[in-house]
Amino acid sequence: SDSFQRFLPVPGRRGVDISVSGVATVDN
């Protein structure tokens, strides 16, 4: 690869990550 990184065009993993933050209440 002549020291250049190479990737396959198809991902090995796909997904969605969700982060939430806020005030802690009885409801959450």
PDB file of all heavy atoms in Angstrom:
ATOM      1  N   SER A   1       0.804  -1.228   0.000  1.00  0.00           N
ATOM      2  CA  SER A   1       0.000   0.000   0.000  1.00  0.00           C
ATOM      3  C   SER A   1       0.833   1.273   0.000  1.00  0.00           C
ATOM      4  O   SER A   1       0.289   2.370   0.114  1.00  0.00           O
ATOM      5  CB  SER A   1      -0.919   0.019   1.223  1.00  0.00           C
ATOM      6  OG  SER A   1      -1.785  -1.083   1.214  1.00  0.00           O
ATOM      7  N   ASP A   2       2.139   1.167  -0.082  1.00  0.00           N
ATOM      8  CA  ASP A   2       3.032   2.324  -0.102  1.00  0.00           C
ATOM      9  C   ASP A   2       2.804   3.242   1.096  1.00  0.00           C
ATOM     10  O   ASP A   2       2.839   4.463   0.970  1.00  0.00           O
ATOM     11  CB  ASP A   2       2.877   3.123  -1.403  1.00  0.00           C
ATOM     12  CG  ASP A   2       3.268   2.313  -2.628  1.00  0.00           C
ATOM     13  OD1 ASP A   2       4.181   1.482  -2.516  1.00  0.00           O
ATOM     14  OD2 ASP A   2       2.653   2.529  -3.689  1.00  0.00           O
ATOM     15  N   SER A   3       2.519   2.675   2.233  1.00  0.00           N
ATOM     16  CA  SER A   3       2.294   3.357   3.513  1.00  0.00           C
ATOM     17  C   SER A   3       1.006   4.168   3.571  1.00  0.00           C
ATOM     18  O   SER A   3       0.768   4.886   4.530  1.00  0.00           O
ATOM     19  CB  SER A   3       3.484   4.242   3.899  1.00  0.00           C
ATOM     20  OG  SER A   3       3.529   5.431   3.132  1.00  0.00           O
ATOM     21  N   PHE A   4       0.167   4.042   2.546  1.00  0.00           N
ATOM     22  CA  PHE A   4      -1.141   4.705   2.574  1.00  0.00           C
ATOM     23  C   PHE A   4      -2.191   3.710   3.038  1.00  0.00           C
ATOM     24  O   PHE A   4      -2.176   2.545   2.634  1.00  0.00           O
ATOM     25  CB  PHE A   4      -1.528   5.245   1.188  1.00  0.00           C
ATOM     26  CG  PHE A   4      -0.665   6.384   0.744  1.00  0.00           C
ATOM     27  CD1 PHE A   4       0.383   6.179  -0.138  1.00  0.00           C
ATOM     28  CD2 PHE A   4      -0.904   7.665   1.223  1.00  0.00           C
ATOM     29  CE1 PHE A   4       1.184   7.231  -0.537  1.00  0.00           C
ATOM     30  CE2 PHE A   4      -0.111   8.720   0.822  1.00  0.00           C
ATOM     31  CZ  PHE A   4       0.944   8.506  -0.060  1.00  0.00           C
ATOM     32  N   GLN A   5      -3.095   4.169   3.874  1.00  0.00           N
ATOM     33  CA  GLN A   5      -4.144   3.261   4.327  1.00  0.00           C
ATOM     34  C   GLN A   5      -5.129   3.000   3.192  1.00  0.00           C
ATOM     35  O   GLN A   5      -5.398   3.876   2.372  1.00  0.00           O
ATOM     36  CB  GLN A   5      -4.862   3.812   5.556  1.00  0.00           C
ATOM     37  CG  GLN A   5      -5.607   5.096   5.352  1.00  0.00           C
ATOM     38  CD  GLN A   5      -6.179   5.622   6.658  1.00  0.00           C
ATOM     39  OE1 GLN A   5      -5.965   5.064   7.714  1.00  0.00           O
ATOM     40  NE2 GLN A   5      -6.918   6.702   6.576  1.00  0.00           N
ATOM     41  N   ARG A   6      -5.651   1.800   3.175  1.00  0.00           N
ATOM     42  CA  ARG A   6      -6.625   1.373   2.157  1.00  0.00           C
ATOM     43  C   ARG A   6      -7.811   0.738   2.871  1.00  0.00           C
ATOM     44  O   ARG A   6      -7.638  -0.033   3.814  1.00  0.00           O
ATOM     45  CB  ARG A   6      -6.017   0.342   1.208  1.00  0.00           C
ATOM     46  CG  ARG A   6      -4.771   0.769   0.517  1.00  0.00           C
ATOM     47  CD  ARG A   6      -5.061   1.633  -0.661  1.00  0.00           C
ATOM     48  NE  ARG A   6      -3.794   1.933  -1.318  1.00  0.00           N
ATOM     49  CZ  ARG A   6      -3.656   2.809  -2.257  1.00  0.00           C
ATOM     50  NH1 ARG A   6      -4.699   3.475  -2.675  1.00  0.00           N
ATOM     51  NH2 ARG A   6      -2.488   3.034  -2.793  1.00  0.00           N
ATOM     52  N   PHE A   7      -9.016   1.067   2.400  1.00  0.00           N
ATOM     53  CA  PHE A   7     -10.241   0.522   2.975  1.00  0.00           C
ATOM     54  C   PHE A   7     -11.079  -0.133   1.893  1.00  0.00           C
ATOM     55  O   PHE A   7     -11.095   0.319   0.743  1.00  0.00           O
ATOM     56  CB  PHE A   7     -11.095   1.620   3.617  1.00  0.00           C
ATOM     57  CG  PHE A   7     -10.426   2.330   4.756  1.00  0.00           C
ATOM     58  CD1 PHE A   7     -10.165   3.684   4.677  1.00  0.00           C
ATOM     59  CD2 PHE A   7     -10.074   1.654   5.907  1.00  0.00           C
ATOM     60  CE1 PHE A   7      -9.552   4.352   5.726  1.00  0.00           C
ATOM     61  CE2 PHE A   7      -9.478   2.309   6.964  1.00  0.00           C
ATOM     62  CZ  PHE A   7      -9.203   3.663   6.871  1.00  0.00           C
ATOM     63  N   LEU A   8     -11.812  -1.176   2.273  1.00  0.00           N
ATOM     64  CA  LEU A   8     -12.838  -1.706   1.378  1.00  0.00           C
ATOM     65  C   LEU A   8     -13.948  -0.666   1.293  1.00  0.00           C
ATOM     66  O   LEU A   8     -14.191   0.082   2.257  1.00  0.00           O
ATOM     67  CB  LEU A   8     -13.388  -3.030   1.925  1.00  0.00           C
ATOM     68  CG  LEU A   8     -12.434  -4.221   1.927  1.00  0.00           C
ATOM     69  CD1 LEU A   8     -13.134  -5.443   2.526  1.00  0.00           C
ATOM     70  CD2 LEU A   8     -11.937  -4.526   0.534  1.00  0.00           C
ATOM     71  N   PRO A   9     -14.681  -0.592   0.176  1.00  0.00           N
ATOM     72  CA  PRO A   9     -15.737   0.411   0.050  1.00  0.00           C
ATOM     73  C   PRO A   9     -16.982   0.117   0.888  1.00  0.00           C
ATOM     74  O   PRO A   9     -17.807   0.990   1.121  1.00  0.00           O
ATOM     75  CB  PRO A   9     -16.073   0.407  -1.443  1.00  0.00           C
ATOM     76  CG  PRO A   9     -15.641  -0.941  -1.922  1.00  0.00           C
ATOM     77  CD  PRO A   9     -14.481  -1.338  -1.065  1.00  0.00           C
ATOM     78  N   VAL A  10     -17.107  -1.124   1.363  1.00  0.00           N
ATOM     79  CA  VAL A  10     -18.258  -1.521   2.168  1.00  0.00           C
ATOM     80  C   VAL A  10     -17.842  -1.501   3.641  1.00  0.00           C
ATOM     81  O   VAL A  10     -16.793  -2.038   3.989  1.00  0.00           O
ATOM     82  CB  VAL A  10     -18.738  -2.934   1.773  1.00  0.00           C
ATOM     83  CG1 VAL A  10     -19.875  -3.400   2.651  1.00  0.00           C
ATOM     84  CG2 VAL A  10     -19.136  -2.965   0.308  1.00  0.00           C
ATOM     85  N   PRO A  11     -18.632  -0.872   4.509  1.00  0.00           N
ATOM     86  CA  PRO A  11     -18.241  -0.819   5.920  1.00  0.00           C
ATOM     87  C   PRO A  11     -18.335  -2.182   6.594  1.00  0.00           C
ATOM     88  O   PRO A  11     -19.158  -3.013   6.235  1.00  0.00           O
ATOM     89  CB  PRO A  11     -19.250   0.155   6.534  1.00  0.00           C
ATOM     90  CG  PRO A  11     -20.436   0.087   5.643  1.00  0.00           C
ATOM     91  CD  PRO A  11     -19.903  -0.189   4.269  1.00  0.00           C
ATOM     92  N   GLY A  12     -17.507  -2.384   7.616  1.00  0.00           N
ATOM     93  CA  GLY A  12     -17.543  -3.604   8.402  1.00  0.00           C
ATOM     94  C   GLY A  12     -18.654  -3.567   9.436  1.00  0.00           C
ATOM     95  O   GLY A  12     -19.143  -4.601   9.866  1.00  0.00           O
ATOM     96  N   ARG A  13     -19.037  -2.386   9.846  1.00  0.00           N
ATOM     97  CA  ARG A  13     -20.116  -2.210  10.826  1.00  0.00           C
ATOM     98  C   ARG A  13     -20.872  -0.946  10.489  1.00  0.00           C
ATOM     99  O   ARG A  13     -20.280   0.067  10.153  1.00  0.00           O
ATOM    100  CB  ARG A  13     -19.523  -2.079  12.231  1.00  0.00           C
ATOM    101  CG  ARG A  13     -20.552  -1.753  13.297  1.00  0.00           C
ATOM    102  CD  ARG A  13     -19.887  -1.515  14.664  1.00  0.00           C
ATOM    103  NE  ARG A  13     -20.857  -1.103  15.642  1.00  0.00           N
ATOM    104  CZ  ARG A  13     -21.074   0.163  16.008  1.00  0.00           C
ATOM    105  NH1 ARG A  13     -20.398   1.140  15.455  1.00  0.00           N
ATOM    106  NH2 ARG A  13     -21.969   0.450  16.918  1.00  0.00           N
ATOM    107  N   ARG A  14     -22.188  -1.047  10.544  1.00  0.00           N
ATOM    108  CA  ARG A  14     -23.061   0.121  10.390  1.00  0.00           C
ATOM    109  C   ARG A  14     -23.969   0.191  11.598  1.00  0.00           C
ATOM    110  O   ARG A  14     -24.380  -0.827  12.141  1.00  0.00           O
ATOM    111  CB  ARG A  14     -23.948   0.011   9.154  1.00  0.00           C
ATOM    112  CG  ARG A  14     -23.243   0.169   7.873  1.00  0.00           C
ATOM    113  CD  ARG A  14     -24.280   0.205   6.789  1.00  0.00           C
ATOM    114  NE  ARG A  14     -23.878  -0.691   5.727  1.00  0.00           N
ATOM    115  CZ  ARG A  14     -24.255  -0.559   4.490  1.00  0.00           C
ATOM    116  NH1 ARG A  14     -25.091   0.383   4.157  1.00  0.00           N
ATOM    117  NH2 ARG A  14     -23.838  -1.399   3.581  1.00  0.00           N
ATOM    118  N   GLY A  15     -24.327   1.392  11.978  1.00  0.00           N
ATOM    119  CA  GLY A  15     -25.241   1.531  13.093  1.00  0.00           C
ATOM    120  C   GLY A  15     -25.493   2.984  13.426  1.00  0.00           C
ATOM    121  O   GLY A  15     -25.025   3.891  12.737  1.00  0.00           O
ATOM    122  N   VAL A  16     -26.220   3.173  14.497  1.00  0.00           N
ATOM    123  CA  VAL A  16     -26.519   4.502  15.009  1.00  0.00           C
ATOM    124  C   VAL A  16     -26.228   4.509  16.497  1.00  0.00           C
ATOM    125  O   VAL A  16     -26.661   3.605  17.222  1.00  0.00           O
ATOM    126  CB  VAL A  16     -28.003   4.882  14.768  1.00  0.00           C
ATOM    127  CG1 VAL A  16     -28.328   6.226  15.400  1.00  0.00           C
ATOM    128  CG2 VAL A  16     -28.319   4.901  13.286  1.00  0.00           C
ATOM    129  N   ASP A  17     -25.460   5.494  16.930  1.00  0.00           N
ATOM    130  CA  ASP A  17     -25.215   5.701  18.350  1.00  0.00           C
ATOM    131  C   ASP A  17     -25.946   6.976  18.755  1.00  0.00           C
ATOM    132  O   ASP A  17     -25.872   7.985  18.048  1.00  0.00           O
ATOM    133  CB  ASP A  17     -23.723   5.859  18.648  1.00  0.00           C
ATOM    134  CG  ASP A  17     -22.923   4.586  18.400  1.00  0.00           C
ATOM    135  OD1 ASP A  17     -23.537   3.509  18.273  1.00  0.00           O
ATOM    136  OD2 ASP A  17     -21.690   4.674  18.335  1.00  0.00           O
ATOM    137  N   ILE A  18     -26.651   6.919  19.860  1.00  0.00           N
ATOM    138  CA  ILE A  18     -27.395   8.078  20.367  1.00  0.00           C
ATOM    139  C   ILE A  18     -26.899   8.387  21.771  1.00  0.00           C
ATOM    140  O   ILE A  18     -26.790   7.494  22.606  1.00  0.00           O
ATOM    141  CB  ILE A  18     -28.909   7.801  20.408  1.00  0.00           C
ATOM    142  CG1 ILE A  18     -29.454   7.542  19.000  1.00  0.00           C
ATOM    143  CG2 ILE A  18     -29.652   8.964  21.059  1.00  0.00           C
ATOM    144  CD1 ILE A  18     -30.918   7.137  18.970  1.00  0.00           C
ATOM    145  N   SER A  19     -26.586   9.649  22.013  1.00  0.00           N
ATOM    146  CA  SER A  19     -26.210  10.115  23.346  1.00  0.00           C
ATOM    147  C   SER A  19     -27.209  11.172  23.777  1.00  0.00           C
ATOM    148  O   SER A  19     -27.580  12.036  22.980  1.00  0.00           O
ATOM    149  CB  SER A  19     -24.813  10.731  23.337  1.00  0.00           C
ATOM    150  OG  SER A  19     -23.857   9.783  22.946  1.00  0.00           O
ATOM    151  N   VAL A  20     -27.642  11.090  25.022  1.00  0.00           N
ATOM    152  CA  VAL A  20     -28.546  12.098  25.585  1.00  0.00           C
ATOM    153  C   VAL A  20     -28.003  12.516  26.946  1.00  0.00           C
ATOM    154  O   VAL A  20     -27.333  11.743  27.631  1.00  0.00           O
ATOM    155  CB  VAL A  20     -30.001  11.577  25.742  1.00  0.00           C
ATOM    156  CG1 VAL A  20     -30.630  11.291  24.403  1.00  0.00           C
ATOM    157  CG2 VAL A  20     -30.060  10.345  26.624  1.00  0.00           C
ATOM    158  N   SER A  21     -28.300  13.759  27.319  1.00  0.00           N
ATOM    159  CA  SER A  21     -27.950  14.232  28.658  1.00  0.00           C
ATOM    160  C   SER A  21     -28.942  15.304  29.062  1.00  0.00           C
ATOM    161  O   SER A  21     -29.562  15.950  28.215  1.00  0.00           O
ATOM    162  CB  SER A  21     -26.519  14.769  28.709  1.00  0.00           C
ATOM    163  OG  SER A  21     -26.386  15.920  27.903  1.00  0.00           O
ATOM    164  N   GLY A  22     -29.088  15.474  30.362  1.00  0.00           N
ATOM    165  CA  GLY A  22     -30.020  16.473  30.858  1.00  0.00           C
ATOM    166  C   GLY A  22     -30.161  16.403  32.361  1.00  0.00           C
ATOM    167  O   GLY A  22     -29.301  15.861  33.062  1.00  0.00           O
ATOM    168  N   VAL A  23     -31.250  16.934  32.848  1.00  0.00           N
ATOM    169  CA  VAL A  23     -31.532  16.977  34.278  1.00  0.00           C
ATOM    170  C   VAL A  23     -32.170  15.658  34.697  1.00  0.00           C
ATOM    171  O   VAL A  23     -33.121  15.194  34.068  1.00  0.00           O
ATOM    172  CB  VAL A  23     -32.467  18.154  34.609  1.00  0.00           C
ATOM    173  CG1 VAL A  23     -32.830  18.167  36.087  1.00  0.00           C
ATOM    174  CG2 VAL A  23     -31.826  19.474  34.198  1.00  0.00           C
ATOM    175  N   ALA A  24     -31.634  15.041  35.757  1.00  0.00           N
ATOM    176  CA  ALA A  24     -32.201  13.785  36.266  1.00  0.00           C
ATOM    177  C   ALA A  24     -33.525  14.077  36.958  1.00  0.00           C
ATOM    178  O   ALA A  24     -33.608  14.946  37.814  1.00  0.00           O
ATOM    179  CB  ALA A  24     -31.233  13.118  37.235  1.00  0.00           C
ATOM    180  N   THR A  25     -34.564  13.366  36.546  1.00  0.00           N
ATOM    181  CA  THR A  25     -35.896  13.511  37.138  1.00  0.00           C
ATOM    182  C   THR A  25     -36.418  12.130  37.504  1.00  0.00           C
ATOM    183  O   THR A  25     -35.847  11.110  37.106  1.00  0.00           O
ATOM    184  CB  THR A  25     -36.888  14.163  36.144  1.00  0.00           C
ATOM    185  OG1 THR A  25     -37.099  13.242  35.058  1.00  0.00           O
ATOM    186  CG2 THR A  25     -36.378  15.488  35.601  1.00  0.00           C
ATOM    187  N   VAL A  26     -37.508  12.104  38.215  1.00  0.00           N
ATOM    188  CA  VAL A  26     -38.144  10.827  38.535  1.00  0.00           C
ATOM    189  C   VAL A  26     -38.503  10.096  37.240  1.00  0.00           C
ATOM    190  O   VAL A  26     -38.387   8.875  37.140  1.00  0.00           O
ATOM    191  CB  VAL A  26     -39.404  11.052  39.404  1.00  0.00           C
ATOM    192  CG1 VAL A  26     -40.162   9.760  39.601  1.00  0.00           C
ATOM    193  CG2 VAL A  26     -39.014  11.664  40.733  1.00  0.00           C
ATOM    194  N   ASP A  27     -38.912  10.845  36.214  1.00  0.00           N
ATOM    195  CA  ASP A  27     -39.352  10.235  34.965  1.00  0.00           C
ATOM    196  C   ASP A  27     -38.225   9.636  34.135  1.00  0.00           C
ATOM    197  O   ASP A  27     -38.463   8.748  33.330  1.00  0.00           O
ATOM    198  CB  ASP A  27     -40.106  11.262  34.111  1.00  0.00           C
ATOM    199  CG  ASP A  27     -41.420  11.654  34.736  1.00  0.00           C
ATOM    200  OD1 ASP A  27     -42.029  10.816  35.427  1.00  0.00           O
ATOM    201  OD2 ASP A  27     -41.840  12.811  34.538  1.00  0.00           O
ATOM    202  N   ASN A  28     -36.996  10.126  34.281  1.00  0.00           N
ATOM    203  CA  ASN A  28     -35.927   9.526  33.494  1.00  0.00           C
ATOM    204  C   ASN A  28     -34.953   8.710  34.340  1.00  0.00           C
ATOM    205  O   ASN A  28     -34.450   7.703  33.890  1.00  0.00           O
ATOM    206  CB  ASN A  28     -35.193  10.561  32.640  1.00  0.00           C
ATOM    207  CG  ASN A  28     -34.496  11.639  33.437  1.00  0.00           C
ATOM    208  OD1 ASN A  28     -34.007  11.416  34.536  1.00  0.00           O
ATOM    209  ND2 ASN A  28     -34.447  12.839  32.888  1.00  0.00           N
TER     210      ASN A  28
END
